[in-house]
Amino acid sequence: MLVATALRRELARRGADGGPEAPAHLEGAVLLSAFGATAVGGTYQARVRVEVRLVVDGKTETEFTSEKAEELLAGQDPLESEGRRRLALRTAAEDLAREVVERLEVP
């Protein structure tokens, strides 16, 4: 959900949100959404990997996989740690959305 929302926002920001009648649309899936400790004490990493297809008039024009990771420090309590984890996942999703749109803009 975070990735789809970030993609919608990025496309809208660039004026490329064509709507349901547009001849092109994106299809995809989140292949990985992971969170875990890194080798450095007290730091964690949130990772998101997606597969994206650009479909134009029913035909797949391009397809690729992209992944982003965001590092964060552990909080002082579980609530703070959860907030940081969510923020890291949202940041990774926004970075992915920007990268996906930029890759699709290049002819």
Protein backbone atom coordinates (compact mmCIF):
# COMPACT_ATOMS: atom_id res chain seq x y z
CA MET A 1 0.00 0.00 0.00
CA LEU A 2 2.85 2.40 0.82
CA VAL A 3 4.46 1.87 -2.59
CA ALA A 4 1.21 2.29 -4.53
CA THR A 5 0.41 5.48 -2.64
CA ALA A 6 3.91 6.84 -3.21
CA LEU A 7 3.67 6.03 -6.94
CA ARG A 8 0.30 7.78 -7.25
CA ARG A 9 1.69 10.86 -5.52
CA GLU A 10 4.83 10.93 -7.65
CA LEU A 11 2.86 10.58 -10.88
CA ALA A 12 0.39 13.27 -9.80
CA ARG A 13 3.25 15.59 -8.82
CA ARG A 14 4.65 15.24 -12.34
CA GLY A 15 1.24 15.62 -14.01
CA ALA A 16 1.36 12.05 -15.32
CA ASP A 17 -1.66 10.55 -13.55
CA GLY A 18 -3.72 9.67 -16.61
CA GLY A 19 -6.75 8.16 -14.92
CA PRO A 20 -8.71 5.01 -15.76
CA GLU A 21 -9.10 5.86 -19.49
CA ALA A 22 -5.36 6.34 -20.14
CA PRO A 23 -3.80 3.99 -22.72
CA ALA A 24 -0.88 3.24 -20.37
CA HIS A 25 -0.87 1.94 -16.83
CA LEU A 26 1.51 0.45 -14.29
CA GLU A 27 1.24 -3.05 -12.91
CA GLY A 28 3.45 -4.48 -10.25
CA ALA A 29 3.99 -6.25 -7.00
CA VAL A 30 5.91 -5.77 -3.80
CA LEU A 31 8.37 -8.66 -3.78
CA LEU A 32 9.99 -7.85 -0.44
CA SER A 33 9.20 -5.72 2.58
CA ALA A 34 11.73 -6.51 5.28
CA PHE A 35 13.04 -5.04 8.49
CA GLY A 36 16.02 -6.27 10.45
CA ALA A 37 19.12 -5.46 12.44
CA THR A 38 22.35 -4.56 10.67
CA ALA A 39 25.85 -5.58 11.71
CA VAL A 40 26.30 -2.26 13.53
CA GLY A 41 24.78 -2.31 17.02
CA GLY A 42 21.55 -0.39 17.47
CA THR A 43 20.89 0.20 13.78
CA TYR A 44 18.25 -1.39 11.64
CA GLN A 45 17.40 -1.47 7.96
CA ALA A 46 14.05 -1.38 6.20
CA ARG A 47 14.10 -2.80 2.65
CA VAL A 48 11.48 -2.76 -0.07
CA ARG A 49 11.75 -4.47 -3.49
CA VAL A 50 9.19 -4.09 -6.26
CA GLU A 51 8.56 -5.46 -9.72
CA VAL A 52 7.03 -2.95 -12.16
CA ARG A 53 5.52 -3.32 -15.64
CA LEU A 54 4.53 -0.49 -17.94
CA VAL A 55 1.59 -1.67 -20.05
CA VAL A 56 0.58 0.40 -23.09
CA ASP A 57 -2.54 -0.59 -25.04
CA GLY A 58 -2.47 -4.04 -23.42
CA LYS A 59 1.17 -4.74 -24.33
CA THR A 60 4.04 -4.81 -21.81
CA GLU A 61 6.51 -2.12 -22.91
CA THR A 62 9.04 -2.49 -20.11
CA GLU A 63 9.49 -4.49 -16.94
CA PHE A 64 12.06 -4.18 -14.17
CA THR A 65 12.77 -4.79 -10.51
CA SER A 66 13.98 -2.12 -8.10
CA GLU A 67 14.95 -2.15 -4.43
CA LYS A 68 15.58 0.52 -1.82
CA ALA A 69 16.84 0.33 1.75
CA GLU A 70 16.64 2.87 4.54
CA GLU A 71 18.69 2.69 7.74
CA LEU A 72 17.44 3.82 11.13
CA LEU A 73 18.42 3.80 14.77
CA ALA A 74 16.48 1.87 17.38
CA GLY A 75 14.19 3.94 19.57
CA GLN A 76 14.33 4.15 23.35
CA ASP A 77 11.13 2.13 23.63
CA PRO A 78 9.04 -0.15 21.35
CA LEU A 79 6.63 2.64 20.38
CA GLU A 80 9.43 4.94 19.22
CA SER A 81 11.12 2.06 17.37
CA GLU A 82 7.85 1.24 15.56
CA GLY A 83 7.44 4.87 14.53
CA ARG A 84 10.97 4.94 13.14
CA ARG A 85 10.40 1.65 11.30
CA ARG A 86 7.25 3.00 9.65
CA LEU A 87 9.00 6.21 8.69
CA ALA A 88 11.90 4.25 7.17
CA LEU A 89 9.51 2.07 5.14
CA ARG A 90 7.62 5.15 3.92
CA THR A 91 10.90 6.86 2.93
CA ALA A 92 12.05 3.74 1.06
CA ALA A 93 8.67 3.57 -0.76
CA GLU A 94 8.91 7.24 -1.76
CA ASP A 95 12.48 6.75 -3.03
CA LEU A 96 11.31 3.71 -5.02
CA ALA A 97 8.41 5.64 -6.53
CA ARG A 98 10.72 8.44 -7.63
CA GLU A 99 13.17 5.95 -9.16
CA VAL A 100 10.41 4.03 -10.98
CA VAL A 101 8.95 7.16 -12.54
CA GLU A 102 12.39 8.45 -13.53
CA ARG A 103 13.25 5.13 -15.19
CA LEU A 104 9.99 5.24 -17.13
CA GLU A 105 10.60 8.82 -18.28
CA VAL A 106 13.83 7.89 -20.05
CA PRO A 107 13.08 6.84 -23.66
